[in-house]
């Protein structure tokens, strides 16, 4: 199969968005957890670091998944590789 410029652009955009979203994931998972111990105030009866780790990161993970699916759907349509929906 010959790789066209369209395929090359599609794959490059896919790799770029994946790298960006993985960097966001890394920051939320490791960097925020490292600095969470400095968040020493109480939030709804619990330490704020607990809330940031337990709730905030999950919200960010869901947002990353939603954004990736939305972005790739638009990219698929733009490059003509979208799946055909059946009724």
PDB file of N, CA and C in Angstrom:
ATOM      1  N   UNK A   1       0.836  -1.176   0.000  1.00  0.00           N
ATOM      2  CA  UNK A   1       0.000   0.000   0.000  1.00  0.00           C
ATOM      3  C   UNK A   1       0.885   1.245   0.000  1.00  0.00           C
ATOM      4  N   UNK A   2       0.606   2.132  -0.884  1.00  0.00           N
ATOM      5  CA  UNK A   2       1.355   3.380  -0.981  1.00  0.00           C
ATOM      6  C   UNK A   2       0.824   4.381   0.048  1.00  0.00           C
ATOM      7  N   UNK A   3       1.725   4.972   0.822  1.00  0.00           N
ATOM      8  CA  UNK A   3       1.334   5.973   1.804  1.00  0.00           C
ATOM      9  C   UNK A   3       1.271   7.329   1.125  1.00  0.00           C
ATOM     10  N   UNK A   4       0.105   7.935   1.172  1.00  0.00           N
ATOM     11  CA  UNK A   4      -0.090   9.230   0.527  1.00  0.00           C
ATOM     12  C   UNK A   4       0.216  10.354   1.519  1.00  0.00           C
ATOM     13  N   UNK A   5       0.263  11.558   0.990  1.00  0.00           N
ATOM     14  CA  UNK A   5       0.488  12.736   1.845  1.00  0.00           C
ATOM     15  C   UNK A   5      -0.671  12.911   2.828  1.00  0.00           C
ATOM     16  N   UNK A   6      -1.871  12.546   2.406  1.00  0.00           N
ATOM     17  CA  UNK A   6      -3.042  12.611   3.288  1.00  0.00           C
ATOM     18  C   UNK A   6      -2.858  11.697   4.498  1.00  0.00           C
ATOM     19  N   UNK A   7      -2.383  10.466   4.262  1.00  0.00           N
ATOM     20  CA  UNK A   7      -2.128   9.528   5.365  1.00  0.00           C
ATOM     21  C   UNK A   7      -1.033  10.045   6.280  1.00  0.00           C
ATOM     22  N   UNK A   8       0.002  10.616   5.700  1.00  0.00           N
ATOM     23  CA  UNK A   8       1.128  11.133   6.483  1.00  0.00           C
ATOM     24  C   UNK A   8       0.668  12.289   7.386  1.00  0.00           C
ATOM     25  N   UNK A   9      -0.142  13.191   6.839  1.00  0.00           N
ATOM     26  CA  UNK A   9      -0.654  14.309   7.637  1.00  0.00           C
ATOM     27  C   UNK A   9      -1.584  13.816   8.748  1.00  0.00           C
ATOM     28  N   UNK A  10      -2.429  12.866   8.412  1.00  0.00           N
ATOM     29  CA  UNK A  10      -3.343  12.281   9.399  1.00  0.00           C
ATOM     30  C   UNK A  10      -2.559  11.673  10.554  1.00  0.00           C
ATOM     31  N   UNK A  11      -1.564  10.875  10.229  1.00  0.00           N
ATOM     32  CA  UNK A  11      -0.784  10.205  11.260  1.00  0.00           C
ATOM     33  C   UNK A  11       0.011  11.212  12.096  1.00  0.00           C
ATOM     34  N   UNK A  12       0.558  12.245  11.475  1.00  0.00           N
ATOM     35  CA  UNK A  12       1.315  13.262  12.207  1.00  0.00           C
ATOM     36  C   UNK A  12       0.408  14.008  13.184  1.00  0.00           C
ATOM     37  N   UNK A  13      -0.802  14.358  12.766  1.00  0.00           N
ATOM     38  CA  UNK A  13      -1.742  15.027  13.666  1.00  0.00           C
ATOM     39  C   UNK A  13      -2.159  14.102  14.801  1.00  0.00           C
ATOM     40  N   UNK A  14      -2.331  12.824  14.488  1.00  0.00           N
ATOM     41  CA  UNK A  14      -2.670  11.846  15.513  1.00  0.00           C
ATOM     42  C   UNK A  14      -1.552  11.752  16.550  1.00  0.00           C
ATOM     43  N   UNK A  15      -0.314  11.675  16.116  1.00  0.00           N
ATOM     44  CA  UNK A  15       0.808  11.599  17.041  1.00  0.00           C
ATOM     45  C   UNK A  15       0.954  12.879  17.869  1.00  0.00           C
ATOM     46  N   UNK A  16       0.714  14.024  17.248  1.00  0.00           N
ATOM     47  CA  UNK A  16       0.822  15.289  17.974  1.00  0.00           C
ATOM     48  C   UNK A  16      -0.205  15.386  19.094  1.00  0.00           C
ATOM     49  N   UNK A  17      -1.464  15.079  18.795  1.00  0.00           N
ATOM     50  CA  UNK A  17      -2.489  15.181  19.832  1.00  0.00           C
ATOM     51  C   UNK A  17      -2.267  14.131  20.913  1.00  0.00           C
ATOM     52  N   UNK A  18      -1.795  12.955  20.542  1.00  0.00           N
ATOM     53  CA  UNK A  18      -1.500  11.930  21.527  1.00  0.00           C
ATOM     54  C   UNK A  18      -0.381  12.377  22.460  1.00  0.00           C
ATOM     55  N   UNK A  19       0.672  12.976  21.917  1.00  0.00           N
ATOM     56  CA  UNK A  19       1.775  13.460  22.740  1.00  0.00           C
ATOM     57  C   UNK A  19       1.325  14.571  23.685  1.00  0.00           C
ATOM     58  N   UNK A  20       0.508  15.481  23.193  1.00  0.00           N
ATOM     59  CA  UNK A  20       0.020  16.575  24.040  1.00  0.00           C
ATOM     60  C   UNK A  20      -0.849  16.040  25.178  1.00  0.00           C
ATOM     61  N   UNK A  21      -1.766  15.139  24.847  1.00  0.00           N
ATOM     62  CA  UNK A  21      -2.649  14.594  25.874  1.00  0.00           C
ATOM     63  C   UNK A  21      -1.894  13.706  26.859  1.00  0.00           C
ATOM     64  N   UNK A  22      -0.872  13.005  26.401  1.00  0.00           N
ATOM     65  CA  UNK A  22      -0.047  12.220  27.329  1.00  0.00           C
ATOM     66  C   UNK A  22       0.744  13.136  28.262  1.00  0.00           C
ATOM     67  N   UNK A  23       1.174  14.289  27.775  1.00  0.00           N
ATOM     68  CA  UNK A  23       1.869  15.256  28.630  1.00  0.00           C
ATOM     69  C   UNK A  23       0.913  15.800  29.699  1.00  0.00           C
ATOM     70  N   UNK A  24      -0.327  16.085  29.311  1.00  0.00           N
ATOM     71  CA  UNK A  24      -1.326  16.528  30.285  1.00  0.00           C
ATOM     72  C   UNK A  24      -1.558  15.435  31.317  1.00  0.00           C
ATOM     73  N   UNK A  25      -1.703  14.199  30.864  1.00  0.00           N
ATOM     74  CA  UNK A  25      -1.893  13.066  31.772  1.00  0.00           C
ATOM     75  C   UNK A  25      -0.720  12.967  32.747  1.00  0.00           C
ATOM     76  N   UNK A  26       0.504  13.090  32.259  1.00  0.00           N
ATOM     77  CA  UNK A  26       1.682  12.999  33.105  1.00  0.00           C
ATOM     78  C   UNK A  26       1.675  14.089  34.175  1.00  0.00           C
ATOM     79  N   UNK A  27       1.362  15.309  33.769  1.00  0.00           N
ATOM     80  CA  UNK A  27       1.339  16.426  34.722  1.00  0.00           C
ATOM     81  C   UNK A  27       0.284  16.189  35.799  1.00  0.00           C
ATOM     82  N   UNK A  28      -0.902  15.770  35.396  1.00  0.00           N
ATOM     83  CA  UNK A  28      -1.982  15.540  36.363  1.00  0.00           C
ATOM     84  C   UNK A  28      -1.643  14.383  37.290  1.00  0.00           C
ATOM     85  N   UNK A  29      -1.060  13.326  36.753  1.00  0.00           N
ATOM     86  CA  UNK A  29      -0.794  12.135  37.552  1.00  0.00           C
ATOM     87  C   UNK A  29       0.411  12.287  38.466  1.00  0.00           C
ATOM     88  N   UNK A  30       1.515  12.785  37.947  1.00  0.00           N
ATOM     89  CA  UNK A  30       2.747  12.787  38.724  1.00  0.00           C
ATOM     90  C   UNK A  30       3.114  14.155  39.289  1.00  0.00           C
ATOM     91  N   UNK A  31       3.030  15.197  38.517  1.00  0.00           N
ATOM     92  CA  UNK A  31       3.451  16.519  38.988  1.00  0.00           C
ATOM     93  C   UNK A  31       2.471  17.047  40.027  1.00  0.00           C
ATOM     94  N   UNK A  32       1.174  16.945  39.753  1.00  0.00           N
ATOM     95  CA  UNK A  32       0.192  17.415  40.733  1.00  0.00           C
ATOM     96  C   UNK A  32       0.276  16.605  42.026  1.00  0.00           C
ATOM     97  N   UNK A  33       0.492  15.317  41.919  1.00  0.00           N
ATOM     98  CA  UNK A  33       0.614  14.490  43.125  1.00  0.00           C
ATOM     99  C   UNK A  33       1.844  14.885  43.933  1.00  0.00           C
ATOM    100  N   UNK A  34       2.913  15.257  43.266  1.00  0.00           N
ATOM    101  CA  UNK A  34       4.126  15.669  43.960  1.00  0.00           C
ATOM    102  C   UNK A  34       3.900  16.958  44.742  1.00  0.00           C
ATOM    103  N   UNK A  35       3.192  17.899  44.146  1.00  0.00           N
ATOM    104  CA  UNK A  35       2.961  19.184  44.798  1.00  0.00           C
ATOM    105  C   UNK A  35       1.716  19.198  45.672  1.00  0.00           C
ATOM    106  N   UNK A  36       0.939  18.133  45.682  1.00  0.00           N
ATOM    107  CA  UNK A  36      -0.303  18.101  46.454  1.00  0.00           C
ATOM    108  C   UNK A  36      -0.047  18.207  47.948  1.00  0.00           C
ATOM    109  N   UNK A  37       1.072  17.752  48.420  1.00  0.00           N
ATOM    110  CA  UNK A  37       1.347  17.830  49.862  1.00  0.00           C
ATOM    111  C   UNK A  37       1.463  19.275  50.337  1.00  0.00           C
ATOM    112  N   UNK A  38       1.718  20.214  49.426  1.00  0.00           N
ATOM    113  CA  UNK A  38       1.791  21.627  49.799  1.00  0.00           C
ATOM    114  C   UNK A  38       0.411  22.257  49.944  1.00  0.00           C
ATOM    115  N   UNK A  39      -0.613  21.562  49.550  1.00  0.00           N
ATOM    116  CA  UNK A  39      -1.984  22.074  49.666  1.00  0.00           C
ATOM    117  C   UNK A  39      -2.547  21.651  51.022  1.00  0.00           C
ATOM    118  N   UNK A  40      -2.227  22.391  52.051  1.00  0.00           N
ATOM    119  CA  UNK A  40      -2.505  21.973  53.430  1.00  0.00           C
ATOM    120  C   UNK A  40      -3.790  22.532  54.020  1.00  0.00           C
ATOM    121  N   UNK A  41      -4.735  23.004  53.229  1.00  0.00           N
ATOM    122  CA  UNK A  41      -5.956  23.525  53.822  1.00  0.00           C
ATOM    123  C   UNK A  41      -7.080  22.494  53.742  1.00  0.00           C
ATOM    124  N   UNK A  42      -8.074  22.669  54.613  1.00  0.00           N
ATOM    125  CA  UNK A  42      -9.183  21.726  54.704  1.00  0.00           C
ATOM    126  C   UNK A  42     -10.276  22.148  53.728  1.00  0.00           C
ATOM    127  N   UNK A  43     -10.802  21.178  53.000  1.00  0.00           N
ATOM    128  CA  UNK A  43     -11.835  21.410  51.989  1.00  0.00           C
ATOM    129  C   UNK A  43     -12.947  20.404  52.226  1.00  0.00           C
ATOM    130  N   UNK A  44     -14.119  20.863  52.688  1.00  0.00           N
ATOM    131  CA  UNK A  44     -15.242  19.990  53.041  1.00  0.00           C
ATOM    132  C   UNK A  44     -14.848  18.909  54.035  1.00  0.00           C
ATOM    133  N   UNK A  45     -14.041  19.270  54.995  1.00  0.00           N
ATOM    134  CA  UNK A  45     -13.672  18.347  56.057  1.00  0.00           C
ATOM    135  C   UNK A  45     -12.515  17.420  55.743  1.00  0.00           C
ATOM    136  N   UNK A  46     -11.984  17.490  54.570  1.00  0.00           N
ATOM    137  CA  UNK A  46     -10.862  16.646  54.173  1.00  0.00           C
ATOM    138  C   UNK A  46      -9.717  17.539  53.691  1.00  0.00           C
ATOM    139  N   UNK A  47      -8.489  17.041  53.753  1.00  0.00           N
ATOM    140  CA  UNK A  47      -7.375  17.828  53.194  1.00  0.00           C
ATOM    141  C   UNK A  47      -7.583  18.043  51.699  1.00  0.00           C
ATOM    142  N   UNK A  48      -7.289  19.233  51.217  1.00  0.00           N
ATOM    143  CA  UNK A  48      -7.508  19.548  49.806  1.00  0.00           C
ATOM    144  C   UNK A  48      -6.692  18.634  48.894  1.00  0.00           C
ATOM    145  N   UNK A  49      -5.524  18.213  49.332  1.00  0.00           N
ATOM    146  CA  UNK A  49      -4.712  17.315  48.504  1.00  0.00           C
ATOM    147  C   UNK A  49      -5.455  16.011  48.216  1.00  0.00           C
ATOM    148  N   UNK A  50      -6.256  15.547  49.184  1.00  0.00           N
ATOM    149  CA  UNK A  50      -7.068  14.354  48.962  1.00  0.00           C
ATOM    150  C   UNK A  50      -8.069  14.599  47.831  1.00  0.00           C
ATOM    151  N   UNK A  51      -8.762  15.755  47.884  1.00  0.00           N
ATOM    152  CA  UNK A  51      -9.748  16.063  46.861  1.00  0.00           C
ATOM    153  C   UNK A  51      -9.097  16.230  45.495  1.00  0.00           C
ATOM    154  N   UNK A  52      -7.957  16.875  45.452  1.00  0.00           N
ATOM    155  CA  UNK A  52      -7.280  17.084  44.167  1.00  0.00           C
ATOM    156  C   UNK A  52      -6.890  15.753  43.545  1.00  0.00           C
ATOM    157  N   UNK A  53      -6.396  14.842  44.366  1.00  0.00           N
ATOM    158  CA  UNK A  53      -5.971  13.540  43.850  1.00  0.00           C
ATOM    159  C   UNK A  53      -7.154  12.635  43.519  1.00  0.00           C
ATOM    160  N   UNK A  54      -8.149  12.594  44.419  1.00  0.00           N
ATOM    161  CA  UNK A  54      -9.248  11.646  44.263  1.00  0.00           C
ATOM    162  C   UNK A  54     -10.305  12.101  43.262  1.00  0.00           C
ATOM    163  N   UNK A  55     -10.571  13.384  43.194  1.00  0.00           N
ATOM    164  CA  UNK A  55     -11.652  13.863  42.344  1.00  0.00           C
ATOM    165  C   UNK A  55     -11.152  14.598  41.104  1.00  0.00           C
ATOM    166  N   UNK A  56     -10.244  15.520  41.310  1.00  0.00           N
ATOM    167  CA  UNK A  56      -9.788  16.354  40.201  1.00  0.00           C
ATOM    168  C   UNK A  56      -9.117  15.584  39.089  1.00  0.00           C
ATOM    169  N   UNK A  57      -8.276  14.640  39.454  1.00  0.00           N
ATOM    170  CA  UNK A  57      -7.572  13.879  38.416  1.00  0.00           C
ATOM    171  C   UNK A  57      -8.539  13.028  37.599  1.00  0.00           C
ATOM    172  N   UNK A  58      -9.553  12.476  38.233  1.00  0.00           N
ATOM    173  CA  UNK A  58     -10.527  11.671  37.490  1.00  0.00           C
ATOM    174  C   UNK A  58     -11.297  12.516  36.480  1.00  0.00           C
ATOM    175  N   UNK A  59     -11.629  13.731  36.875  1.00  0.00           N
ATOM    176  CA  UNK A  59     -12.328  14.629  35.961  1.00  0.00           C
ATOM    177  C   UNK A  59     -11.433  14.948  34.757  1.00  0.00           C
ATOM    178  N   UNK A  60     -10.161  15.182  35.016  1.00  0.00           N
ATOM    179  CA  UNK A  60      -9.228  15.476  33.927  1.00  0.00           C
ATOM    180  C   UNK A  60      -9.074  14.261  33.016  1.00  0.00           C
ATOM    181  N   UNK A  61      -9.016  13.058  33.566  1.00  0.00           N
ATOM    182  CA  UNK A  61      -8.888  11.854  32.739  1.00  0.00           C
ATOM    183  C   UNK A  61     -10.090  11.690  31.817  1.00  0.00           C
ATOM    184  N   UNK A  62     -11.286  11.903  32.337  1.00  0.00           N
ATOM    185  CA  UNK A  62     -12.492  11.808  31.512  1.00  0.00           C
ATOM    186  C   UNK A  62     -12.484  12.888  30.432  1.00  0.00           C
ATOM    187  N   UNK A  63     -12.041  14.091  30.778  1.00  0.00           N
ATOM    188  CA  UNK A  63     -11.961  15.182  29.800  1.00  0.00           C
ATOM    189  C   UNK A  63     -10.951  14.848  28.703  1.00  0.00           C
ATOM    190  N   UNK A  64      -9.836  14.221  29.059  1.00  0.00           N
ATOM    191  CA  UNK A  64      -8.836  13.816  28.067  1.00  0.00           C
ATOM    192  C   UNK A  64      -9.439  12.793  27.103  1.00  0.00           C
ATOM    193  N   UNK A  65     -10.138  11.806  27.629  1.00  0.00           N
ATOM    194  CA  UNK A  65     -10.751  10.778  26.788  1.00  0.00           C
ATOM    195  C   UNK A  65     -11.797  11.389  25.863  1.00  0.00           C
ATOM    196  N   UNK A  66     -12.655  12.278  26.409  1.00  0.00           N
ATOM    197  CA  UNK A  66     -13.680  12.921  25.592  1.00  0.00           C
ATOM    198  C   UNK A  66     -13.037  13.756  24.491  1.00  0.00           C
ATOM    199  N   UNK A  67     -12.031  14.557  24.840  1.00  0.00           N
ATOM    200  CA  UNK A  67     -11.414  15.424  23.853  1.00  0.00           C
ATOM    201  C   UNK A  67     -10.737  14.610  22.747  1.00  0.00           C
ATOM    202  N   UNK A  68     -10.038  13.535  23.114  1.00  0.00           N
ATOM    203  CA  UNK A  68      -9.371  12.700  22.113  1.00  0.00           C
ATOM    204  C   UNK A  68     -10.389  12.093  21.148  1.00  0.00           C
ATOM    205  N   UNK A  69     -11.484  11.562  21.677  1.00  0.00           N
ATOM    206  CA  UNK A  69     -12.513  10.954  20.823  1.00  0.00           C
ATOM    207  C   UNK A  69     -13.134  12.007  19.904  1.00  0.00           C
ATOM    208  N   UNK A  70     -13.417  13.175  20.444  1.00  0.00           N
ATOM    209  CA  UNK A  70     -14.010  14.254  19.653  1.00  0.00           C
ATOM    210  C   UNK A  70     -13.030  14.725  18.567  1.00  0.00           C
ATOM    211  N   UNK A  71     -11.783  14.943  18.935  1.00  0.00           N
ATOM    212  CA  UNK A  71     -10.772  15.415  17.992  1.00  0.00           C
ATOM    213  C   UNK A  71     -10.530  14.391  16.883  1.00  0.00           C
ATOM    214  N   UNK A  72     -10.407  13.130  17.249  1.00  0.00           N
ATOM    215  CA  UNK A  72     -10.145  12.101  16.245  1.00  0.00           C
ATOM    216  C   UNK A  72     -11.344  11.897  15.325  1.00  0.00           C
ATOM    217  N   UNK A  73     -12.549  12.063  15.830  1.00  0.00           N
ATOM    218  CA  UNK A  73     -13.729  11.963  14.972  1.00  0.00           C
ATOM    219  C   UNK A  73     -13.702  13.060  13.911  1.00  0.00           C
ATOM    220  N   UNK A  74     -13.384  14.288  14.332  1.00  0.00           N
ATOM    221  CA  UNK A  74     -13.272  15.391  13.371  1.00  0.00           C
ATOM    222  C   UNK A  74     -12.125  15.151  12.400  1.00  0.00           C
ATOM    223  N   UNK A  75     -10.993  14.644  12.893  1.00  0.00           N
ATOM    224  CA  UNK A  75      -9.842  14.375  12.038  1.00  0.00           C
ATOM    225  C   UNK A  75     -10.158  13.274  11.029  1.00  0.00           C
ATOM    226  N   UNK A  76     -10.864  12.239  11.453  1.00  0.00           N
ATOM    227  CA  UNK A  76     -11.274  11.168  10.538  1.00  0.00           C
ATOM    228  C   UNK A  76     -12.123  11.708   9.399  1.00  0.00           C
ATOM    229  N   UNK A  77     -13.083  12.552   9.736  1.00  0.00           N
ATOM    230  CA  UNK A  77     -13.944  13.129   8.695  1.00  0.00           C
ATOM    231  C   UNK A  77     -13.146  14.048   7.776  1.00  0.00           C
ATOM    232  N   UNK A  78     -12.230  14.818   8.335  1.00  0.00           N
ATOM    233  CA  UNK A  78     -11.445  15.754   7.525  1.00  0.00           C
ATOM    234  C   UNK A  78     -10.533  15.027   6.536  1.00  0.00           C
ATOM    235  N   UNK A  79     -10.065  13.845   6.900  1.00  0.00           N
ATOM    236  CA  UNK A  79      -9.138  13.101   6.041  1.00  0.00           C
ATOM    237  C   UNK A  79      -9.810  11.948   5.295  1.00  0.00           C
ATOM    238  N   UNK A  80     -11.124  11.842   5.420  1.00  0.00           N
ATOM    239  CA  UNK A  80     -11.865  10.850   4.654  1.00  0.00           C
ATOM    240  C   UNK A  80     -11.683   9.423   5.121  1.00  0.00           C
ATOM    241  N   UNK A  81     -11.416   9.206   6.388  1.00  0.00           N
ATOM    242  CA  UNK A  81     -11.246   7.843   6.898  1.00  0.00           C
ATOM    243  C   UNK A  81     -12.252   7.520   7.996  1.00  0.00           C
ATOM    244  N   UNK A  82     -13.358   8.283   8.043  1.00  0.00           N
ATOM    245  CA  UNK A  82     -14.371   8.060   9.074  1.00  0.00           C
ATOM    246  C   UNK A  82     -15.082   6.744   8.823  1.00  0.00           C
ATOM    247  N   UNK A  83     -15.491   6.099   9.923  1.00  0.00           N
ATOM    248  CA  UNK A  83     -16.252   4.877   9.809  1.00  0.00           C
ATOM    249  C   UNK A  83     -17.666   5.215   9.363  1.00  0.00           C
ATOM    250  N   UNK A  84     -18.238   4.340   8.575  1.00  0.00           N
ATOM    251  CA  UNK A  84     -19.594   4.541   8.094  1.00  0.00           C
ATOM    252  C   UNK A  84     -20.544   4.052   9.172  1.00  0.00           C
ATOM    253  N   UNK A  85     -21.479   4.908   9.574  1.00  0.00           N
ATOM    254  CA  UNK A  85     -22.457   4.511  10.585  1.00  0.00           C
ATOM    255  C   UNK A  85     -23.597   3.752   9.918  1.00  0.00           C
ATOM    256  N   UNK A  86     -23.947   2.624  10.522  1.00  0.00           N
ATOM    257  CA  UNK A  86     -25.034   1.804   9.986  1.00  0.00           C
ATOM    258  C   UNK A  86     -26.258   1.962  10.860  1.00  0.00           C
ATOM    259  N   UNK A  87     -27.449   1.884  10.237  1.00  0.00           N
ATOM    260  CA  UNK A  87     -28.701   2.004  10.996  1.00  0.00           C
ATOM    261  C   UNK A  87     -29.129   0.684  11.536  1.00  0.00           C
TER     262      UNK A  87
END
